[in-house]
Amino acid sequence: MAKLILLRHLKSQWNEDNRFAGWTDGPIAKKESSKAIDLANQVFINKIDAVYTSSLFRNQDTVARIFEAIDIKYPFFIHLDAGKMQKWGNYTDISQNDIPCYVTENLNERYYGQLQGLNKVDTILKYGKEKVELWRRSYNMAPPGGESEKSVYNRTIPFFKKYIEKDLRLDKTILVVASHNSLRAIAKYIEKIPDEKIDKVEFPFAGILEYDFDGNFDLRSKKHFEGLH
């Protein structure tokens, strides 16, 4: 039976500062590192066959910290996007002590364009709460110069089908560590969530969503675990 585990990264410093992080590349907040052990104990109840994560450091940082927190195999990062890191940085003949961790920009957070780096409260005061909420949560509306959730879906789901779904159809247990909007896109695809209801889907920081599938890749069950506080 295949299992997909979706994990939102630990809170980054810019998340802590209430700023639009988007594609900016900061680490997790200092106080978050203490949560790695509890998070690892939730994730590694399962035997993980492979990990997929984004190119953003806060996601890879979360992967590294949960693996460090318990005595299990080591995550070996393999880059899937074109470029020298894919050609020169990968070593496919990894040992039995390693778990492949595939890295791609297709699992990155929504690009927030002109809002990136801005404080969310100040942005609401400038543009109004209703407009900012549409930029953040609606399916079709994009922030100025940025991506809509539809745009995120259109880059995330083709990758998901090509790589992650292929692994799931081989009855593997797959961990995806990513950001809020790429995870929302995956949930939308799996659960067939209508466009007008995607704004209700939330992934708290360090929140976990588990899906179990049968041999025909039909969804059998879903479990949701709240994030750590």
C-alpha atoms as a PDB file:
ATOM      1  CA  MET A   1       0.000   0.000   0.000  1.00  0.00           C
ATOM      2  CA  ALA A   2       1.412   3.378  -1.018  1.00  0.00           C
ATOM      3  CA  LYS A   3       1.623   6.273   1.429  1.00  0.00           C
ATOM      4  CA  LEU A   4       2.212   9.969   0.752  1.00  0.00           C
ATOM      5  CA  ILE A   5       3.251  12.202   3.641  1.00  0.00           C
ATOM      6  CA  LEU A   6       3.030  15.956   3.082  1.00  0.00           C
ATOM      7  CA  LEU A   7       4.986  18.072   5.557  1.00  0.00           C
ATOM      8  CA  ARG A   8       5.153  21.844   5.676  1.00  0.00           C
ATOM      9  CA  HIS A   9       8.570  23.104   6.732  1.00  0.00           C
ATOM     10  CA  LEU A  10       9.380  24.422  10.195  1.00  0.00           C
ATOM     11  CA  LYS A  11       8.770  28.161  10.547  1.00  0.00           C
ATOM     12  CA  SER A  12      11.442  30.283   8.897  1.00  0.00           C
ATOM     13  CA  GLN A  13      12.806  33.505  10.366  1.00  0.00           C
ATOM     14  CA  TRP A  14      10.861  35.598   7.864  1.00  0.00           C
ATOM     15  CA  ASN A  15       7.719  33.629   8.746  1.00  0.00           C
ATOM     16  CA  GLU A  16       8.467  34.496  12.372  1.00  0.00           C
ATOM     17  CA  ASP A  17       8.833  38.153  11.366  1.00  0.00           C
ATOM     18  CA  ASN A  18       5.460  37.992   9.540  1.00  0.00           C
ATOM     19  CA  ARG A  19       6.992  38.805   6.163  1.00  0.00           C
ATOM     20  CA  PHE A  20       6.154  37.392   2.734  1.00  0.00           C
ATOM     21  CA  ALA A  21       8.941  34.833   2.237  1.00  0.00           C
ATOM     22  CA  GLY A  22       8.009  33.405  -1.171  1.00  0.00           C
ATOM     23  CA  TRP A  23      11.148  32.453  -3.095  1.00  0.00           C
ATOM     24  CA  THR A  24      13.513  34.265  -0.719  1.00  0.00           C
ATOM     25  CA  ASP A  25      15.959  31.805   0.769  1.00  0.00           C
ATOM     26  CA  GLY A  26      16.245  32.156   4.543  1.00  0.00           C
ATOM     27  CA  PRO A  27      16.749  29.410   7.144  1.00  0.00           C
ATOM     28  CA  ILE A  28      14.281  28.208   9.740  1.00  0.00           C
ATOM     29  CA  ALA A  29      13.937  30.361  12.849  1.00  0.00           C
ATOM     30  CA  LYS A  30      16.424  29.605  15.641  1.00  0.00           C
ATOM     31  CA  LYS A  31      13.763  28.554  18.140  1.00  0.00           C
ATOM     32  CA  GLU A  32      12.339  26.010  15.666  1.00  0.00           C
ATOM     33  CA  SER A  33      15.317  23.648  15.815  1.00  0.00           C
ATOM     34  CA  SER A  34      14.158  22.323  19.201  1.00  0.00           C
ATOM     35  CA  LYS A  35      11.002  20.978  17.535  1.00  0.00           C
ATOM     36  CA  ALA A  36      12.874  18.689  15.159  1.00  0.00           C
ATOM     37  CA  ILE A  37      12.867  15.662  17.478  1.00  0.00           C
ATOM     38  CA  ASP A  38       9.098  15.719  18.032  1.00  0.00           C
ATOM     39  CA  LEU A  39       8.523  16.234  14.325  1.00  0.00           C
ATOM     40  CA  ALA A  40      10.885  13.394  13.414  1.00  0.00           C
ATOM     41  CA  ASN A  41       9.070  11.051  15.797  1.00  0.00           C
ATOM     42  CA  GLN A  42       5.816  11.779  13.959  1.00  0.00           C
ATOM     43  CA  VAL A  43       7.277  11.378  10.471  1.00  0.00           C
ATOM     44  CA  PHE A  44       9.452   8.317  11.009  1.00  0.00           C
ATOM     45  CA  ILE A  45       6.745   6.139  12.438  1.00  0.00           C
ATOM     46  CA  ASN A  46       6.768   5.265   8.738  1.00  0.00           C
ATOM     47  CA  LYS A  47       9.625   3.706   6.783  1.00  0.00           C
ATOM     48  CA  ILE A  48      10.404   6.389   4.218  1.00  0.00           C
ATOM     49  CA  ASP A  49      11.546   5.218   0.775  1.00  0.00           C
ATOM     50  CA  ALA A  50      12.270   8.634  -0.746  1.00  0.00           C
ATOM     51  CA  VAL A  51      11.950  12.343  -0.004  1.00  0.00           C
ATOM     52  CA  TYR A  52      11.033  15.180  -2.343  1.00  0.00           C
ATOM     53  CA  THR A  53      11.652  18.792  -1.391  1.00  0.00           C
ATOM     54  CA  SER A  54      12.073  22.222  -2.919  1.00  0.00           C
ATOM     55  CA  SER A  55      15.200  24.221  -3.675  1.00  0.00           C
ATOM     56  CA  LEU A  56      14.351  26.664  -0.860  1.00  0.00           C
ATOM     57  CA  PHE A  57      16.726  26.321   2.071  1.00  0.00           C
ATOM     58  CA  ARG A  58      13.995  26.338   4.736  1.00  0.00           C
ATOM     59  CA  ASN A  59      12.606  23.127   3.228  1.00  0.00           C
ATOM     60  CA  GLN A  60      15.963  21.379   2.895  1.00  0.00           C
ATOM     61  CA  ASP A  61      16.894  22.654   6.361  1.00  0.00           C
ATOM     62  CA  THR A  62      13.763  20.984   7.760  1.00  0.00           C
ATOM     63  CA  VAL A  63      14.656  17.719   6.007  1.00  0.00           C
ATOM     64  CA  ALA A  64      18.199  17.752   7.392  1.00  0.00           C
ATOM     65  CA  ARG A  65      17.094  18.573  10.942  1.00  0.00           C
ATOM     66  CA  ILE A  66      14.484  15.821  11.229  1.00  0.00           C
ATOM     67  CA  PHE A  67      16.966  13.255   9.917  1.00  0.00           C
ATOM     68  CA  GLU A  68      19.582  14.499  12.380  1.00  0.00           C
ATOM     69  CA  ALA A  69      17.089  14.257  15.247  1.00  0.00           C
ATOM     70  CA  ILE A  70      16.920  10.463  15.225  1.00  0.00           C
ATOM     71  CA  ASP A  71      19.359   7.678  14.397  1.00  0.00           C
ATOM     72  CA  ILE A  72      18.202   6.643  10.936  1.00  0.00           C
ATOM     73  CA  LYS A  73      19.469   6.846   7.403  1.00  0.00           C
ATOM     74  CA  TYR A  74      21.068   9.969   5.971  1.00  0.00           C
ATOM     75  CA  PRO A  75      19.261  12.172   3.378  1.00  0.00           C
ATOM     76  CA  PHE A  76      21.272  12.384   0.147  1.00  0.00           C
ATOM     77  CA  PHE A  77      20.155  15.420  -1.896  1.00  0.00           C
ATOM     78  CA  ILE A  78      19.748  14.802  -5.640  1.00  0.00           C
ATOM     79  CA  HIS A  79      18.988  17.785  -7.884  1.00  0.00           C
ATOM     80  CA  LEU A  80      16.402  17.273 -10.621  1.00  0.00           C
ATOM     81  CA  ASP A  81      16.381  20.715 -12.262  1.00  0.00           C
ATOM     82  CA  ALA A  82      18.625  21.423 -15.230  1.00  0.00           C
ATOM     83  CA  GLY A  83      21.985  22.995 -14.454  1.00  0.00           C
ATOM     84  CA  LYS A  84      25.407  22.094 -13.111  1.00  0.00           C
ATOM     85  CA  MET A  85      24.034  20.869  -9.784  1.00  0.00           C
ATOM     86  CA  GLN A  86      22.119  18.214 -11.697  1.00  0.00           C
ATOM     87  CA  LYS A  87      25.099  17.287 -13.888  1.00  0.00           C
ATOM     88  CA  TRP A  88      27.937  17.608 -11.392  1.00  0.00           C
ATOM     89  CA  GLY A  89      26.351  17.384  -7.941  1.00  0.00           C
ATOM     90  CA  ASN A  90      24.502  14.093  -8.122  1.00  0.00           C
ATOM     91  CA  TYR A  91      25.740  10.629  -7.314  1.00  0.00           C
ATOM     92  CA  THR A  92      23.064   8.077  -8.099  1.00  0.00           C
ATOM     93  CA  ASP A  93      24.790   4.993  -6.672  1.00  0.00           C
ATOM     94  CA  ILE A  94      23.986   5.907  -3.068  1.00  0.00           C
ATOM     95  CA  SER A  95      24.502   3.426  -0.253  1.00  0.00           C
ATOM     96  CA  GLN A  96      21.919   1.529   1.755  1.00  0.00           C
ATOM     97  CA  ASN A  97      22.559   4.005   4.572  1.00  0.00           C
ATOM     98  CA  ASP A  98      21.194   6.887   2.489  1.00  0.00           C
ATOM     99  CA  ILE A  99      17.676   7.908   1.491  1.00  0.00           C
ATOM    100  CA  PRO A 100      17.349   9.782  -1.824  1.00  0.00           C
ATOM    101  CA  CYS A 101      16.058  13.316  -1.343  1.00  0.00           C
ATOM    102  CA  TYR A 102      15.081  14.853  -4.679  1.00  0.00           C
ATOM    103  CA  VAL A 103      15.281  18.648  -4.986  1.00  0.00           C
ATOM    104  CA  THR A 104      13.309  20.813  -7.423  1.00  0.00           C
ATOM    105  CA  GLU A 105      12.052  24.382  -7.843  1.00  0.00           C
ATOM    106  CA  ASN A 106       8.700  22.929  -8.896  1.00  0.00           C
ATOM    107  CA  LEU A 107       7.906  22.397  -5.200  1.00  0.00           C
ATOM    108  CA  ASN A 108       8.844  25.971  -4.232  1.00  0.00           C
ATOM    109  CA  GLU A 109       6.465  28.323  -2.475  1.00  0.00           C
ATOM    110  CA  ARG A 110       4.323  30.725  -4.499  1.00  0.00           C
ATOM    111  CA  TYR A 111       6.372  33.619  -5.908  1.00  0.00           C
ATOM    112  CA  TYR A 112       4.945  36.728  -4.247  1.00  0.00           C
ATOM    113  CA  GLY A 113       6.444  39.234  -6.673  1.00  0.00           C
ATOM    114  CA  GLN A 114       6.362  42.800  -5.339  1.00  0.00           C
ATOM    115  CA  LEU A 115       5.137  41.608  -1.940  1.00  0.00           C
ATOM    116  CA  GLN A 116       8.221  39.521  -1.133  1.00  0.00           C
ATOM    117  CA  GLY A 117       9.962  40.783   1.974  1.00  0.00           C
ATOM    118  CA  LEU A 118       7.075  43.041   3.004  1.00  0.00           C
ATOM    119  CA  ASN A 119       5.474  42.827   6.419  1.00  0.00           C
ATOM    120  CA  LYS A 120       1.998  41.280   6.107  1.00  0.00           C
ATOM    121  CA  VAL A 121       0.326  43.714   8.508  1.00  0.00           C
ATOM    122  CA  ASP A 122       1.794  46.722   6.689  1.00  0.00           C
ATOM    123  CA  THR A 123       0.682  45.223   3.368  1.00  0.00           C
ATOM    124  CA  ILE A 124      -2.905  44.862   4.629  1.00  0.00           C
ATOM    125  CA  LEU A 125      -2.879  48.484   5.809  1.00  0.00           C
ATOM    126  CA  LYS A 126      -1.690  49.591   2.363  1.00  0.00           C
ATOM    127  CA  TYR A 127      -3.903  47.459   0.105  1.00  0.00           C
ATOM    128  CA  GLY A 128      -6.765  46.341   2.348  1.00  0.00           C
ATOM    129  CA  LYS A 129      -7.435  42.993   4.007  1.00  0.00           C
ATOM    130  CA  GLU A 130      -9.794  41.670   1.315  1.00  0.00           C
ATOM    131  CA  LYS A 131      -7.354  42.209  -1.550  1.00  0.00           C
ATOM    132  CA  VAL A 132      -4.393  40.764   0.346  1.00  0.00           C
ATOM    133  CA  GLU A 133      -6.431  37.677   1.305  1.00  0.00           C
ATOM    134  CA  LEU A 134      -7.331  37.179  -2.362  1.00  0.00           C
ATOM    135  CA  TRP A 135      -3.652  37.391  -3.305  1.00  0.00           C
ATOM    136  CA  ARG A 136      -2.742  34.867  -0.613  1.00  0.00           C
ATOM    137  CA  ARG A 137      -5.588  32.346  -0.763  1.00  0.00           C
ATOM    138  CA  SER A 138      -7.593  32.525  -3.995  1.00  0.00           C
ATOM    139  CA  TYR A 139      -6.907  30.214  -6.919  1.00  0.00           C
ATOM    140  CA  ASN A 140      -6.799  32.661  -9.821  1.00  0.00           C
ATOM    141  CA  MET A 141      -5.680  35.972  -8.293  1.00  0.00           C
ATOM    142  CA  ALA A 142      -1.928  36.718  -8.306  1.00  0.00           C
ATOM    143  CA  PRO A 143      -0.121  39.341  -6.207  1.00  0.00           C
ATOM    144  CA  PRO A 144       1.526  42.145  -8.232  1.00  0.00           C
ATOM    145  CA  GLY A 145       4.297  40.598 -10.325  1.00  0.00           C
ATOM    146  CA  GLY A 146       3.841  37.203  -8.663  1.00  0.00           C
ATOM    147  CA  GLU A 147       2.142  33.822  -9.079  1.00  0.00           C
ATOM    148  CA  SER A 148      -1.438  32.761  -8.511  1.00  0.00           C
ATOM    149  CA  GLU A 149      -2.227  29.429  -6.863  1.00  0.00           C
ATOM    150  CA  LYS A 150      -3.219  28.253 -10.349  1.00  0.00           C
ATOM    151  CA  SER A 151       0.312  29.043 -11.555  1.00  0.00           C
ATOM    152  CA  VAL A 152       1.753  27.062  -8.650  1.00  0.00           C
ATOM    153  CA  TYR A 153      -0.559  24.158  -9.488  1.00  0.00           C
ATOM    154  CA  ASN A 154       0.511  24.247 -13.139  1.00  0.00           C
ATOM    155  CA  ARG A 155       4.209  23.832 -12.250  1.00  0.00           C
ATOM    156  CA  THR A 156       3.802  21.515  -9.243  1.00  0.00           C
ATOM    157  CA  ILE A 157       1.367  18.899 -10.536  1.00  0.00           C
ATOM    158  CA  PRO A 158       3.167  17.929 -13.782  1.00  0.00           C
ATOM    159  CA  PHE A 159       6.253  17.287 -11.632  1.00  0.00           C
ATOM    160  CA  PHE A 160       4.154  15.376  -9.102  1.00  0.00           C
ATOM    161  CA  LYS A 161       2.724  13.123 -11.815  1.00  0.00           C
ATOM    162  CA  LYS A 162       6.117  12.492 -13.433  1.00  0.00           C
ATOM    163  CA  TYR A 163       8.060  11.639 -10.282  1.00  0.00           C
ATOM    164  CA  ILE A 164       6.081  11.328  -7.047  1.00  0.00           C
ATOM    165  CA  GLU A 165       2.989   9.615  -8.436  1.00  0.00           C
ATOM    166  CA  LYS A 166       5.252   7.209 -10.313  1.00  0.00           C
ATOM    167  CA  ASP A 167       6.889   6.229  -7.010  1.00  0.00           C
ATOM    168  CA  LEU A 168       3.529   5.872  -5.290  1.00  0.00           C
ATOM    169  CA  ARG A 169       2.313   3.510  -7.983  1.00  0.00           C
ATOM    170  CA  LEU A 170       5.266   1.296  -6.986  1.00  0.00           C
ATOM    171  CA  ASP A 171       3.798   1.106  -3.445  1.00  0.00           C
ATOM    172  CA  LYS A 172       6.471   3.326  -1.933  1.00  0.00           C
ATOM    173  CA  THR A 173       6.172   5.590   1.097  1.00  0.00           C
ATOM    174  CA  ILE A 174       7.072   9.101   0.002  1.00  0.00           C
ATOM    175  CA  LEU A 175       7.745  12.180   2.143  1.00  0.00           C
ATOM    176  CA  VAL A 176       7.271  15.609   0.543  1.00  0.00           C
ATOM    177  CA  VAL A 177       8.688  18.542   2.512  1.00  0.00           C
ATOM    178  CA  ALA A 178       7.582  21.768   0.906  1.00  0.00           C
ATOM    179  CA  SER A 179       5.858  25.110   1.352  1.00  0.00           C
ATOM    180  CA  HIS A 180       2.266  26.097   1.899  1.00  0.00           C
ATOM    181  CA  ASN A 181       1.080  26.713  -1.650  1.00  0.00           C
ATOM    182  CA  SER A 182       2.851  23.814  -3.374  1.00  0.00           C
ATOM    183  CA  LEU A 183       1.372  21.491  -0.746  1.00  0.00           C
ATOM    184  CA  ARG A 184      -2.063  23.026  -1.306  1.00  0.00           C
ATOM    185  CA  ALA A 185      -1.665  22.272  -5.017  1.00  0.00           C
ATOM    186  CA  ILE A 186      -0.891  18.612  -4.303  1.00  0.00           C
ATOM    187  CA  ALA A 187      -3.849  18.323  -1.927  1.00  0.00           C
ATOM    188  CA  LYS A 188      -6.086  19.906  -4.569  1.00  0.00           C
ATOM    189  CA  TYR A 189      -4.979  17.359  -7.156  1.00  0.00           C
ATOM    190  CA  ILE A 190      -5.320  14.310  -4.903  1.00  0.00           C
ATOM    191  CA  GLU A 191      -8.634  15.260  -3.315  1.00  0.00           C
ATOM    192  CA  LYS A 192     -10.064  16.908  -6.453  1.00  0.00           C
ATOM    193  CA  ILE A 193     -10.778  20.091  -4.517  1.00  0.00           C
ATOM    194  CA  PRO A 194     -12.748  22.660  -6.588  1.00  0.00           C
ATOM    195  CA  ASP A 195     -11.034  25.955  -7.437  1.00  0.00           C
ATOM    196  CA  GLU A 196     -13.464  27.948  -5.301  1.00  0.00           C
ATOM    197  CA  LYS A 197     -12.719  25.861  -2.181  1.00  0.00           C
ATOM    198  CA  ILE A 198      -8.937  25.854  -2.252  1.00  0.00           C
ATOM    199  CA  ASP A 199      -8.848  28.973  -0.060  1.00  0.00           C
ATOM    200  CA  LYS A 200     -10.083  26.823   2.848  1.00  0.00           C
ATOM    201  CA  VAL A 201      -7.090  24.433   2.672  1.00  0.00           C
ATOM    202  CA  GLU A 202      -4.444  25.262   5.273  1.00  0.00           C
ATOM    203  CA  PHE A 203      -1.115  23.657   6.171  1.00  0.00           C
ATOM    204  CA  PRO A 204       0.242  24.916   9.509  1.00  0.00           C
ATOM    205  CA  PHE A 205       3.995  25.059   9.987  1.00  0.00           C
ATOM    206  CA  ALA A 206       5.269  21.531  10.696  1.00  0.00           C
ATOM    207  CA  GLY A 207       1.792  20.249   9.846  1.00  0.00           C
ATOM    208  CA  ILE A 208       1.532  16.740   8.419  1.00  0.00           C
ATOM    209  CA  LEU A 209      -1.031  15.298   6.033  1.00  0.00           C
ATOM    210  CA  GLU A 210      -0.919  11.558   5.259  1.00  0.00           C
ATOM    211  CA  TYR A 211      -2.620   9.876   2.320  1.00  0.00           C
ATOM    212  CA  ASP A 212      -2.922   6.104   1.847  1.00  0.00           C
ATOM    213  CA  PHE A 213      -3.582   4.657  -1.623  1.00  0.00           C
ATOM    214  CA  ASP A 214      -4.567   1.236  -2.894  1.00  0.00           C
ATOM    215  CA  GLY A 215      -2.855  -0.601  -5.765  1.00  0.00           C
ATOM    216  CA  ASN A 216      -4.793   1.394  -8.361  1.00  0.00           C
ATOM    217  CA  PHE A 217      -3.680   4.711  -6.830  1.00  0.00           C
ATOM    218  CA  ASP A 218      -7.170   5.332  -5.486  1.00  0.00           C
ATOM    219  CA  LEU A 219      -7.267   7.266  -2.222  1.00  0.00           C
ATOM    220  CA  ARG A 220      -8.149   5.002   0.719  1.00  0.00           C
ATOM    221  CA  SER A 221      -7.651   7.253   3.742  1.00  0.00           C
ATOM    222  CA  LYS A 222      -6.429  10.632   4.919  1.00  0.00           C
ATOM    223  CA  LYS A 223      -4.967  11.682   8.274  1.00  0.00           C
ATOM    224  CA  HIS A 224      -4.158  15.208   9.359  1.00  0.00           C
ATOM    225  CA  PHE A 225      -1.725  16.134  12.146  1.00  0.00           C
ATOM    226  CA  GLU A 226      -1.576  19.721  13.398  1.00  0.00           C
ATOM    227  CA  GLY A 227       1.724  21.571  13.442  1.00  0.00           C
ATOM    228  CA  LEU A 228       3.937  21.871  16.510  1.00  0.00           C
ATOM    229  CA  HIS A 229       3.493  24.915  18.729  1.00  0.00           C
END
